[in-house]
Amino acid sequence: MRSSATNVHQLPLSEDQALAWLRVQGRVTVTAAELGRRWGWHRQRVGRRLRSWHMGGEIQWFEAEKT
């Protein structure tokens, strides 16, 4: 994903900004590490927030199975 003038945020994103970003994107198929780079977060924080938002009904989240 390339940043455009309308999609530039000051990093790190707040939790509200990150959730809004996810909602605008629709389906996202990147790793927690990649989301962390985009949001200015550690991948562990991304994983915790994704789980929390999913449990709270904020997002649908399907973690990829490791094979």
N, C-alpha and C. Protein backbone atom coordinates (compact mmCIF):
# COMPACT_ATOMS: atom_id res chain seq x y z
N MET A 1 0.85 -1.18 0.00
CA MET A 1 0.00 0.00 0.00
C MET A 1 0.89 1.23 0.00
N ARG A 2 0.63 2.14 -0.88
CA ARG A 2 1.37 3.39 -0.91
C ARG A 2 0.54 4.48 -0.26
N SER A 3 1.22 5.35 0.45
CA SER A 3 0.53 6.46 1.09
C SER A 3 0.21 7.52 0.06
N SER A 4 -0.96 8.08 0.18
CA SER A 4 -1.34 9.21 -0.65
C SER A 4 -1.59 10.39 0.26
N ALA A 5 -1.79 11.53 -0.30
CA ALA A 5 -2.00 12.74 0.50
C ALA A 5 -3.22 12.60 1.40
N THR A 6 -4.21 11.81 0.99
CA THR A 6 -5.41 11.65 1.79
C THR A 6 -5.30 10.50 2.78
N ASN A 7 -4.20 9.75 2.75
CA ASN A 7 -4.09 8.56 3.59
C ASN A 7 -2.85 8.63 4.48
N VAL A 8 -2.37 9.81 4.76
CA VAL A 8 -1.17 9.96 5.58
C VAL A 8 -1.59 10.30 7.01
N HIS A 9 -1.08 9.53 7.94
CA HIS A 9 -1.34 9.76 9.36
C HIS A 9 -0.01 9.97 10.06
N GLN A 10 -0.05 10.72 11.12
CA GLN A 10 1.14 10.82 11.95
C GLN A 10 1.19 9.55 12.81
N LEU A 11 2.35 8.91 12.82
CA LEU A 11 2.51 7.67 13.56
C LEU A 11 3.02 7.96 14.95
N PRO A 12 2.67 7.16 15.93
CA PRO A 12 1.78 6.03 15.82
C PRO A 12 0.31 6.46 15.79
N LEU A 13 -0.51 5.61 15.17
CA LEU A 13 -1.95 5.87 15.17
C LEU A 13 -2.52 5.61 16.55
N SER A 14 -3.57 6.31 16.88
CA SER A 14 -4.30 6.00 18.10
C SER A 14 -5.12 4.73 17.85
N GLU A 15 -5.65 4.14 18.90
CA GLU A 15 -6.49 2.96 18.72
C GLU A 15 -7.72 3.29 17.88
N ASP A 16 -8.31 4.45 18.10
CA ASP A 16 -9.48 4.87 17.31
C ASP A 16 -9.11 5.04 15.84
N GLN A 17 -7.94 5.61 15.56
CA GLN A 17 -7.50 5.79 14.17
C GLN A 17 -7.23 4.44 13.51
N ALA A 18 -6.62 3.52 14.24
CA ALA A 18 -6.34 2.20 13.69
C ALA A 18 -7.63 1.45 13.37
N LEU A 19 -8.60 1.51 14.27
CA LEU A 19 -9.89 0.85 14.03
C LEU A 19 -10.60 1.49 12.84
N ALA A 20 -10.57 2.80 12.74
CA ALA A 20 -11.18 3.48 11.60
C ALA A 20 -10.48 3.08 10.30
N TRP A 21 -9.14 2.97 10.35
CA TRP A 21 -8.38 2.56 9.17
C TRP A 21 -8.83 1.18 8.70
N LEU A 22 -8.99 0.24 9.65
CA LEU A 22 -9.43 -1.11 9.29
C LEU A 22 -10.80 -1.08 8.63
N ARG A 23 -11.70 -0.31 9.19
CA ARG A 23 -13.07 -0.25 8.66
C ARG A 23 -13.09 0.32 7.24
N VAL A 24 -12.26 1.30 6.97
CA VAL A 24 -12.20 1.91 5.63
C VAL A 24 -11.62 0.91 4.62
N GLN A 25 -10.64 0.11 5.05
CA GLN A 25 -9.97 -0.81 4.14
C GLN A 25 -10.86 -1.97 3.71
N GLY A 26 -11.80 -2.35 4.55
CA GLY A 26 -12.58 -3.55 4.25
C GLY A 26 -11.77 -4.76 4.65
N ARG A 27 -11.65 -5.73 3.76
CA ARG A 27 -10.88 -6.94 4.06
C ARG A 27 -9.38 -6.65 3.98
N VAL A 28 -8.68 -7.01 5.02
CA VAL A 28 -7.23 -6.79 5.11
C VAL A 28 -6.57 -8.14 5.28
N THR A 29 -5.58 -8.44 4.45
CA THR A 29 -4.91 -9.74 4.51
C THR A 29 -3.41 -9.57 4.65
N VAL A 30 -3.02 -8.88 5.70
CA VAL A 30 -1.60 -8.69 5.99
C VAL A 30 -1.32 -9.19 7.40
N THR A 31 -0.06 -9.36 7.71
CA THR A 31 0.31 -9.84 9.04
C THR A 31 0.19 -8.74 10.08
N ALA A 32 0.18 -9.17 11.34
CA ALA A 32 0.18 -8.20 12.44
C ALA A 32 1.43 -7.34 12.37
N ALA A 33 2.55 -7.93 11.97
CA ALA A 33 3.79 -7.16 11.85
C ALA A 33 3.65 -6.06 10.81
N GLU A 34 3.00 -6.36 9.68
CA GLU A 34 2.80 -5.35 8.64
C GLU A 34 1.85 -4.26 9.12
N LEU A 35 0.77 -4.64 9.79
CA LEU A 35 -0.13 -3.62 10.34
C LEU A 35 0.63 -2.75 11.35
N GLY A 36 1.47 -3.38 12.14
CA GLY A 36 2.27 -2.63 13.11
C GLY A 36 3.16 -1.60 12.43
N ARG A 37 3.78 -1.97 11.32
CA ARG A 37 4.60 -1.01 10.58
C ARG A 37 3.75 0.14 10.05
N ARG A 38 2.58 -0.17 9.55
CA ARG A 38 1.70 0.87 8.99
C ARG A 38 1.16 1.80 10.07
N TRP A 39 0.92 1.25 11.25
CA TRP A 39 0.31 2.02 12.34
C TRP A 39 1.32 2.58 13.32
N GLY A 40 2.58 2.14 13.24
CA GLY A 40 3.59 2.58 14.19
C GLY A 40 3.47 1.86 15.53
N TRP A 41 3.00 0.62 15.51
CA TRP A 41 2.81 -0.19 16.71
C TRP A 41 3.71 -1.42 16.65
N HIS A 42 3.90 -2.09 17.82
CA HIS A 42 4.53 -3.40 17.86
C HIS A 42 3.50 -4.44 17.44
N ARG A 43 3.96 -5.52 16.81
CA ARG A 43 3.02 -6.53 16.32
C ARG A 43 2.20 -7.16 17.45
N GLN A 44 2.78 -7.24 18.65
CA GLN A 44 2.03 -7.81 19.78
C GLN A 44 0.84 -6.93 20.14
N ARG A 45 1.03 -5.63 20.09
CA ARG A 45 -0.08 -4.71 20.38
C ARG A 45 -1.17 -4.87 19.33
N VAL A 46 -0.76 -5.01 18.07
CA VAL A 46 -1.73 -5.21 17.00
C VAL A 46 -2.57 -6.45 17.29
N GLY A 47 -1.92 -7.55 17.61
CA GLY A 47 -2.65 -8.79 17.89
C GLY A 47 -3.61 -8.66 19.05
N ARG A 48 -3.17 -8.00 20.12
CA ARG A 48 -4.06 -7.80 21.27
C ARG A 48 -5.27 -6.96 20.90
N ARG A 49 -5.05 -5.88 20.15
CA ARG A 49 -6.17 -5.01 19.78
C ARG A 49 -7.12 -5.71 18.81
N LEU A 50 -6.58 -6.47 17.84
CA LEU A 50 -7.45 -7.20 16.93
C LEU A 50 -8.35 -8.17 17.70
N ARG A 51 -7.75 -8.90 18.64
CA ARG A 51 -8.56 -9.82 19.45
C ARG A 51 -9.61 -9.08 20.27
N SER A 52 -9.23 -7.97 20.86
CA SER A 52 -10.15 -7.18 21.68
C SER A 52 -11.29 -6.62 20.83
N TRP A 53 -10.95 -6.05 19.67
CA TRP A 53 -11.99 -5.51 18.80
C TRP A 53 -12.92 -6.61 18.30
N HIS A 54 -12.35 -7.77 18.01
CA HIS A 54 -13.16 -8.90 17.56
C HIS A 54 -14.12 -9.35 18.67
N MET A 55 -13.59 -9.51 19.89
CA MET A 55 -14.42 -9.94 21.02
C MET A 55 -15.50 -8.91 21.34
N GLY A 56 -15.22 -7.64 21.11
CA GLY A 56 -16.19 -6.58 21.35
C GLY A 56 -17.16 -6.36 20.20
N GLY A 57 -17.04 -7.16 19.13
CA GLY A 57 -17.94 -7.04 18.00
C GLY A 57 -17.62 -5.88 17.06
N GLU A 58 -16.46 -5.28 17.23
CA GLU A 58 -16.07 -4.14 16.40
C GLU A 58 -15.64 -4.56 14.99
N ILE A 59 -15.01 -5.74 14.89
CA ILE A 59 -14.52 -6.23 13.60
C ILE A 59 -14.75 -7.73 13.53
N GLN A 60 -14.73 -8.26 12.31
CA GLN A 60 -14.65 -9.70 12.11
C GLN A 60 -13.19 -10.00 11.87
N TRP A 61 -12.67 -11.01 12.55
CA TRP A 61 -11.24 -11.31 12.44
C TRP A 61 -11.07 -12.81 12.38
N PHE A 62 -10.34 -13.24 11.38
CA PHE A 62 -10.04 -14.65 11.21
C PHE A 62 -8.54 -14.78 11.12
N GLU A 63 -7.96 -15.35 12.15
CA GLU A 63 -6.50 -15.52 12.18
C GLU A 63 -6.13 -16.69 11.27
N ALA A 64 -5.12 -16.45 10.43
CA ALA A 64 -4.68 -17.49 9.52
C ALA A 64 -4.12 -18.67 10.28
N GLU A 65 -4.43 -19.85 9.79
CA GLU A 65 -3.88 -21.05 10.40
C GLU A 65 -2.44 -21.21 9.96
N LYS A 66 -1.61 -21.63 10.88
CA LYS A 66 -0.21 -21.89 10.56
C LYS A 66 -0.09 -23.33 10.12
N THR A 67 0.56 -23.54 8.98
CA THR A 67 0.71 -24.90 8.48
C THR A 67 2.15 -25.33 8.50
